[in-house]
Amino acid sequence: GRSLYQQISEGEGSSRLPKLTPEIVELIQQMSEQNQQIVQSQSQLLQQLRIRMQQEQEFRKQQQLMMDEIQRQKAVYQRLEDIVRRYPWFEQDSQDDESFSEEEEDDDDDEEEEEDDA
């Protein structure tokens, strides 16, 4: 048997090849339109995905900023605590409380006297 190329070049079997009928042309057009739609929807999806990724990046950045701020606050608090501990009056807390409550009681007495006057 001769090769397909020989058969075609010699004109044999050409009747077996489909002619470009209007139906075939229409089908090709439909297929190319569908292809375009697919490509469009894919590019839209890609765009959405890019936006999502940007949003997620932004979110992560915000989260990191918050974490950094929390760490900073903790450090500040720790420093304050250290400073407070170094002060001598920190140990005499209970005595201070007693004198404090006495003062408060005095204030109450003054208020009561004022009410009596009125």
N, C-alpha and C. Protein backbone atom coordinates (compact mmCIF):
# COMPACT_ATOMS: atom_id res chain seq x y z
N GLY A 1 0.83 -1.21 0.00
CA GLY A 1 0.00 0.00 0.00
C GLY A 1 0.86 1.25 0.00
N ARG A 2 0.33 2.19 -0.69
CA ARG A 2 1.07 3.46 -0.77
C ARG A 2 0.76 4.31 0.46
N SER A 3 1.64 5.26 0.75
CA SER A 3 1.47 6.10 1.94
C SER A 3 0.28 7.04 1.75
N LEU A 4 -0.25 7.53 2.84
CA LEU A 4 -1.38 8.45 2.82
C LEU A 4 -0.99 9.69 2.01
N TYR A 5 0.26 10.15 2.22
CA TYR A 5 0.72 11.34 1.51
C TYR A 5 0.64 11.13 0.00
N GLN A 6 1.09 9.95 -0.47
CA GLN A 6 1.05 9.65 -1.92
C GLN A 6 -0.40 9.64 -2.40
N GLN A 7 -1.25 9.00 -1.64
CA GLN A 7 -2.67 8.90 -2.03
C GLN A 7 -3.27 10.30 -2.19
N ILE A 8 -3.00 11.18 -1.20
CA ILE A 8 -3.60 12.51 -1.25
C ILE A 8 -3.00 13.31 -2.40
N SER A 9 -1.67 13.24 -2.53
CA SER A 9 -1.01 14.04 -3.57
C SER A 9 -1.45 13.58 -4.97
N GLU A 10 -1.77 12.32 -5.11
CA GLU A 10 -2.22 11.82 -6.42
C GLU A 10 -3.72 12.00 -6.61
N GLY A 11 -4.38 12.62 -5.61
CA GLY A 11 -5.79 12.93 -5.79
C GLY A 11 -6.72 11.82 -5.35
N GLU A 12 -6.18 10.69 -4.95
CA GLU A 12 -7.05 9.61 -4.50
C GLU A 12 -7.50 9.90 -3.06
N GLY A 13 -8.70 9.46 -2.74
CA GLY A 13 -9.20 9.59 -1.37
C GLY A 13 -9.62 11.01 -1.03
N SER A 14 -9.48 11.93 -1.97
CA SER A 14 -9.88 13.32 -1.68
C SER A 14 -11.40 13.39 -1.44
N SER A 15 -12.11 12.47 -2.06
CA SER A 15 -13.57 12.46 -1.87
C SER A 15 -13.92 12.08 -0.43
N ARG A 16 -13.01 11.36 0.21
CA ARG A 16 -13.26 10.94 1.59
C ARG A 16 -13.04 12.09 2.58
N LEU A 17 -12.21 13.09 2.17
CA LEU A 17 -11.98 14.23 3.06
C LEU A 17 -13.25 15.09 3.12
N PRO A 18 -13.66 15.52 4.33
CA PRO A 18 -14.88 16.32 4.42
C PRO A 18 -14.69 17.69 3.80
N LYS A 19 -15.69 18.09 3.02
CA LYS A 19 -15.63 19.44 2.44
C LYS A 19 -16.07 20.43 3.50
N LEU A 20 -15.64 21.70 3.39
CA LEU A 20 -16.03 22.73 4.36
C LEU A 20 -17.45 23.18 4.08
N THR A 21 -18.39 22.39 4.58
CA THR A 21 -19.80 22.73 4.40
C THR A 21 -20.15 23.88 5.34
N PRO A 22 -21.24 24.62 5.09
CA PRO A 22 -21.67 25.69 6.01
C PRO A 22 -21.83 25.21 7.45
N GLU A 23 -22.32 23.96 7.61
CA GLU A 23 -22.48 23.41 8.96
C GLU A 23 -21.13 23.35 9.70
N ILE A 24 -20.11 22.86 8.98
CA ILE A 24 -18.77 22.73 9.60
C ILE A 24 -18.23 24.11 9.96
N VAL A 25 -18.41 25.07 9.03
CA VAL A 25 -17.93 26.44 9.29
C VAL A 25 -18.60 26.99 10.55
N GLU A 26 -19.94 26.78 10.65
CA GLU A 26 -20.68 27.27 11.81
C GLU A 26 -20.15 26.60 13.09
N LEU A 27 -19.90 25.31 13.01
CA LEU A 27 -19.40 24.57 14.17
C LEU A 27 -18.06 25.14 14.64
N ILE A 28 -17.18 25.40 13.66
CA ILE A 28 -15.86 25.97 13.99
C ILE A 28 -16.03 27.32 14.67
N GLN A 29 -16.95 28.14 14.14
CA GLN A 29 -17.19 29.46 14.74
C GLN A 29 -17.68 29.31 16.19
N GLN A 30 -18.65 28.40 16.36
CA GLN A 30 -19.17 28.17 17.72
C GLN A 30 -18.05 27.76 18.67
N MET A 31 -17.21 26.85 18.20
CA MET A 31 -16.12 26.37 19.05
C MET A 31 -15.16 27.50 19.41
N SER A 32 -14.85 28.35 18.44
CA SER A 32 -13.92 29.45 18.74
C SER A 32 -14.56 30.45 19.70
N GLU A 33 -15.88 30.67 19.56
CA GLU A 33 -16.58 31.56 20.50
C GLU A 33 -16.53 30.97 21.92
N GLN A 34 -16.81 29.67 22.01
CA GLN A 34 -16.76 29.01 23.32
C GLN A 34 -15.35 29.13 23.91
N ASN A 35 -14.35 28.94 23.04
CA ASN A 35 -12.97 29.08 23.50
C ASN A 35 -12.71 30.46 24.09
N GLN A 36 -13.19 31.48 23.38
CA GLN A 36 -13.01 32.86 23.86
C GLN A 36 -13.67 33.05 25.23
N GLN A 37 -14.89 32.51 25.36
CA GLN A 37 -15.61 32.62 26.64
C GLN A 37 -14.81 31.95 27.76
N ILE A 38 -14.29 30.76 27.46
CA ILE A 38 -13.50 30.03 28.46
C ILE A 38 -12.29 30.87 28.87
N VAL A 39 -11.58 31.40 27.85
CA VAL A 39 -10.39 32.21 28.13
C VAL A 39 -10.77 33.42 28.98
N GLN A 40 -11.90 34.08 28.64
CA GLN A 40 -12.36 35.25 29.40
C GLN A 40 -12.64 34.88 30.85
N SER A 41 -13.43 33.82 31.03
CA SER A 41 -13.80 33.44 32.40
C SER A 41 -12.55 33.05 33.20
N GLN A 42 -11.58 32.39 32.52
CA GLN A 42 -10.34 32.02 33.21
C GLN A 42 -9.57 33.26 33.64
N SER A 43 -9.51 34.27 32.77
CA SER A 43 -8.77 35.48 33.12
C SER A 43 -9.48 36.22 34.25
N GLN A 44 -10.84 36.18 34.26
CA GLN A 44 -11.59 36.79 35.36
C GLN A 44 -11.26 36.09 36.68
N LEU A 45 -11.26 34.75 36.63
CA LEU A 45 -10.94 33.97 37.83
C LEU A 45 -9.53 34.31 38.32
N LEU A 46 -8.59 34.41 37.38
CA LEU A 46 -7.22 34.76 37.74
C LEU A 46 -7.18 36.12 38.43
N GLN A 47 -7.92 37.07 37.88
CA GLN A 47 -7.99 38.43 38.44
C GLN A 47 -8.51 38.37 39.89
N GLN A 48 -9.62 37.64 40.06
CA GLN A 48 -10.21 37.48 41.40
C GLN A 48 -9.21 36.86 42.38
N LEU A 49 -8.50 35.85 41.88
CA LEU A 49 -7.52 35.16 42.70
C LEU A 49 -6.41 36.13 43.12
N ARG A 50 -5.96 36.96 42.16
CA ARG A 50 -4.93 37.95 42.46
C ARG A 50 -5.40 38.91 43.55
N ILE A 51 -6.66 39.37 43.42
CA ILE A 51 -7.23 40.29 44.41
C ILE A 51 -7.28 39.61 45.78
N ARG A 52 -7.74 38.35 45.79
CA ARG A 52 -7.81 37.60 47.05
C ARG A 52 -6.43 37.52 47.71
N MET A 53 -5.43 37.20 46.90
CA MET A 53 -4.08 37.07 47.42
C MET A 53 -3.58 38.39 48.00
N GLN A 54 -3.89 39.50 47.30
CA GLN A 54 -3.50 40.82 47.80
C GLN A 54 -4.18 41.09 49.14
N GLN A 55 -5.49 40.79 49.20
CA GLN A 55 -6.25 41.00 50.44
C GLN A 55 -5.63 40.20 51.58
N GLU A 56 -5.29 38.94 51.28
CA GLU A 56 -4.71 38.08 52.31
C GLU A 56 -3.38 38.64 52.78
N GLN A 57 -2.57 39.13 51.82
CA GLN A 57 -1.29 39.73 52.17
C GLN A 57 -1.50 40.92 53.09
N GLU A 58 -2.46 41.77 52.73
CA GLU A 58 -2.78 42.97 53.53
C GLU A 58 -3.20 42.55 54.94
N PHE A 59 -4.07 41.52 55.00
CA PHE A 59 -4.56 41.01 56.28
C PHE A 59 -3.39 40.52 57.14
N ARG A 60 -2.48 39.76 56.51
CA ARG A 60 -1.31 39.25 57.24
C ARG A 60 -0.47 40.41 57.78
N LYS A 61 -0.31 41.44 56.92
CA LYS A 61 0.48 42.61 57.32
C LYS A 61 -0.15 43.26 58.56
N GLN A 62 -1.49 43.45 58.52
CA GLN A 62 -2.20 44.06 59.65
C GLN A 62 -2.02 43.20 60.91
N GLN A 63 -2.15 41.90 60.72
CA GLN A 63 -2.01 40.96 61.84
C GLN A 63 -0.63 41.12 62.47
N GLN A 64 0.40 41.20 61.61
CA GLN A 64 1.78 41.32 62.08
C GLN A 64 1.94 42.62 62.86
N LEU A 65 1.35 43.71 62.31
CA LEU A 65 1.43 45.00 63.00
C LEU A 65 0.81 44.90 64.39
N MET A 66 -0.35 44.24 64.47
CA MET A 66 -1.02 44.06 65.76
C MET A 66 -0.14 43.27 66.72
N MET A 67 0.45 42.19 66.23
CA MET A 67 1.31 41.37 67.08
C MET A 67 2.49 42.20 67.59
N ASP A 68 3.09 42.99 66.69
CA ASP A 68 4.22 43.84 67.07
C ASP A 68 3.80 44.81 68.17
N GLU A 69 2.61 45.42 67.98
CA GLU A 69 2.10 46.39 68.96
C GLU A 69 1.90 45.72 70.32
N ILE A 70 1.34 44.51 70.29
CA ILE A 70 1.12 43.77 71.55
C ILE A 70 2.46 43.52 72.24
N GLN A 71 3.45 43.10 71.46
CA GLN A 71 4.78 42.85 72.04
C GLN A 71 5.34 44.13 72.65
N ARG A 72 5.16 45.25 71.94
CA ARG A 72 5.65 46.54 72.42
C ARG A 72 4.97 46.89 73.74
N GLN A 73 3.65 46.71 73.77
CA GLN A 73 2.89 47.01 75.00
C GLN A 73 3.38 46.14 76.15
N LYS A 74 3.61 44.86 75.87
CA LYS A 74 4.10 43.95 76.91
C LYS A 74 5.44 44.44 77.45
N ALA A 75 6.32 44.87 76.54
CA ALA A 75 7.64 45.35 76.94
C ALA A 75 7.51 46.58 77.84
N VAL A 76 6.62 47.50 77.43
CA VAL A 76 6.39 48.72 78.23
C VAL A 76 5.89 48.34 79.61
N TYR A 77 4.91 47.45 79.64
CA TYR A 77 4.33 47.01 80.92
C TYR A 77 5.41 46.37 81.80
N GLN A 78 6.26 45.56 81.18
CA GLN A 78 7.33 44.88 81.92
C GLN A 78 8.28 45.91 82.53
N ARG A 79 8.62 46.94 81.75
CA ARG A 79 9.52 47.98 82.24
C ARG A 79 8.88 48.72 83.42
N LEU A 80 7.60 49.05 83.27
CA LEU A 80 6.88 49.73 84.36
C LEU A 80 6.91 48.88 85.62
N GLU A 81 6.64 47.59 85.44
CA GLU A 81 6.62 46.68 86.59
C GLU A 81 7.99 46.65 87.28
N ASP A 82 9.06 46.60 86.46
CA ASP A 82 10.42 46.58 87.02
C ASP A 82 10.69 47.86 87.80
N ILE A 83 10.29 49.00 87.23
CA ILE A 83 10.51 50.29 87.89
C ILE A 83 9.77 50.31 89.23
N VAL A 84 8.51 49.92 89.20
CA VAL A 84 7.69 49.92 90.42
C VAL A 84 8.31 49.03 91.48
N ARG A 85 8.82 47.87 91.09
CA ARG A 85 9.41 46.92 92.05
C ARG A 85 10.66 47.51 92.71
N ARG A 86 11.39 48.36 91.98
CA ARG A 86 12.62 48.93 92.52
C ARG A 86 12.35 49.97 93.61
N TYR A 87 11.14 50.55 93.59
CA TYR A 87 10.85 51.60 94.57
C TYR A 87 10.68 51.03 95.97
N PRO A 88 11.22 51.71 97.00
CA PRO A 88 11.10 51.19 98.37
C PRO A 88 9.65 51.12 98.85
N TRP A 89 8.80 52.06 98.41
CA TRP A 89 7.42 52.05 98.91
C TRP A 89 6.60 50.88 98.41
N PHE A 90 7.17 50.14 97.47
CA PHE A 90 6.43 49.00 96.93
C PHE A 90 6.22 47.93 98.01
N GLU A 91 7.23 47.76 98.89
CA GLU A 91 7.12 46.75 99.95
C GLU A 91 6.23 47.22 101.10
N GLN A 92 6.15 48.54 101.30
CA GLN A 92 5.36 49.08 102.41
C GLN A 92 3.91 49.30 101.99
N ASP A 93 3.46 48.52 101.06
CA ASP A 93 2.13 48.71 100.50
C ASP A 93 1.05 48.68 101.58
N SER A 94 1.11 47.66 102.48
CA SER A 94 0.04 47.47 103.47
C SER A 94 -0.06 48.68 104.39
N GLN A 95 1.06 49.24 104.82
CA GLN A 95 1.04 50.42 105.70
C GLN A 95 0.37 51.59 104.98
N ASP A 96 0.77 51.80 103.70
CA ASP A 96 0.18 52.89 102.92
C ASP A 96 -1.34 52.72 102.87
N ASP A 97 -1.78 51.50 102.67
CA ASP A 97 -3.21 51.24 102.57
C ASP A 97 -3.92 51.70 103.84
N GLU A 98 -3.31 51.40 105.00
CA GLU A 98 -3.94 51.77 106.28
C GLU A 98 -4.10 53.28 106.38
N SER A 99 -3.02 54.01 106.12
CA SER A 99 -3.09 55.46 106.22
C SER A 99 -4.08 56.01 105.21
N PHE A 100 -4.14 55.34 104.09
CA PHE A 100 -5.04 55.75 103.01
C PHE A 100 -6.49 55.66 103.47
N SER A 101 -6.84 54.51 104.07
CA SER A 101 -8.23 54.30 104.50
C SER A 101 -8.59 55.30 105.61
N GLU A 102 -7.62 55.64 106.48
CA GLU A 102 -7.89 56.63 107.54
C GLU A 102 -8.27 57.96 106.91
N GLU A 103 -7.48 58.38 105.90
CA GLU A 103 -7.76 59.64 105.23
C GLU A 103 -9.16 59.62 104.64
N GLU A 104 -9.50 58.52 103.99
CA GLU A 104 -10.81 58.40 103.36
C GLU A 104 -11.91 58.58 104.40
N GLU A 105 -11.71 57.95 105.59
CA GLU A 105 -12.71 58.06 106.65
C GLU A 105 -12.88 59.51 107.07
N ASP A 106 -11.75 60.23 107.19
CA ASP A 106 -11.80 61.65 107.56
C ASP A 106 -12.66 62.40 106.56
N ASP A 107 -12.44 62.12 105.27
CA ASP A 107 -13.21 62.79 104.22
C ASP A 107 -14.69 62.55 104.45
N ASP A 108 -15.05 61.30 104.77
CA ASP A 108 -16.47 60.99 105.00
C ASP A 108 -17.05 61.84 106.12
N ASP A 109 -16.26 61.97 107.22
CA ASP A 109 -16.73 62.78 108.37
C ASP A 109 -17.02 64.20 107.93
N ASP A 110 -16.10 64.79 107.16
CA ASP A 110 -16.28 66.17 106.68
C ASP A 110 -17.59 66.28 105.93
N GLU A 111 -17.82 65.32 105.04
CA GLU A 111 -19.04 65.37 104.22
C GLU A 111 -20.28 65.34 105.12
N GLU A 112 -20.26 64.45 106.14
CA GLU A 112 -21.42 64.34 107.04
C GLU A 112 -21.65 65.65 107.74
N GLU A 113 -20.56 66.30 108.22
CA GLU A 113 -20.68 67.59 108.93
C GLU A 113 -21.33 68.63 108.02
N GLU A 114 -20.87 68.63 106.73
CA GLU A 114 -21.44 69.59 105.78
C GLU A 114 -22.93 69.36 105.65
N GLU A 115 -23.34 68.10 105.58
CA GLU A 115 -24.76 67.79 105.45
C GLU A 115 -25.53 68.31 106.65
N ASP A 116 -24.95 68.16 107.88
CA ASP A 116 -25.60 68.65 109.10
C ASP A 116 -25.81 70.16 109.00
N ASP A 117 -24.78 70.87 108.57
CA ASP A 117 -24.88 72.34 108.45
C ASP A 117 -26.03 72.72 107.53
N ALA A 118 -26.17 71.95 106.43
CA ALA A 118 -27.18 72.31 105.43
C ALA A 118 -28.60 72.07 105.85
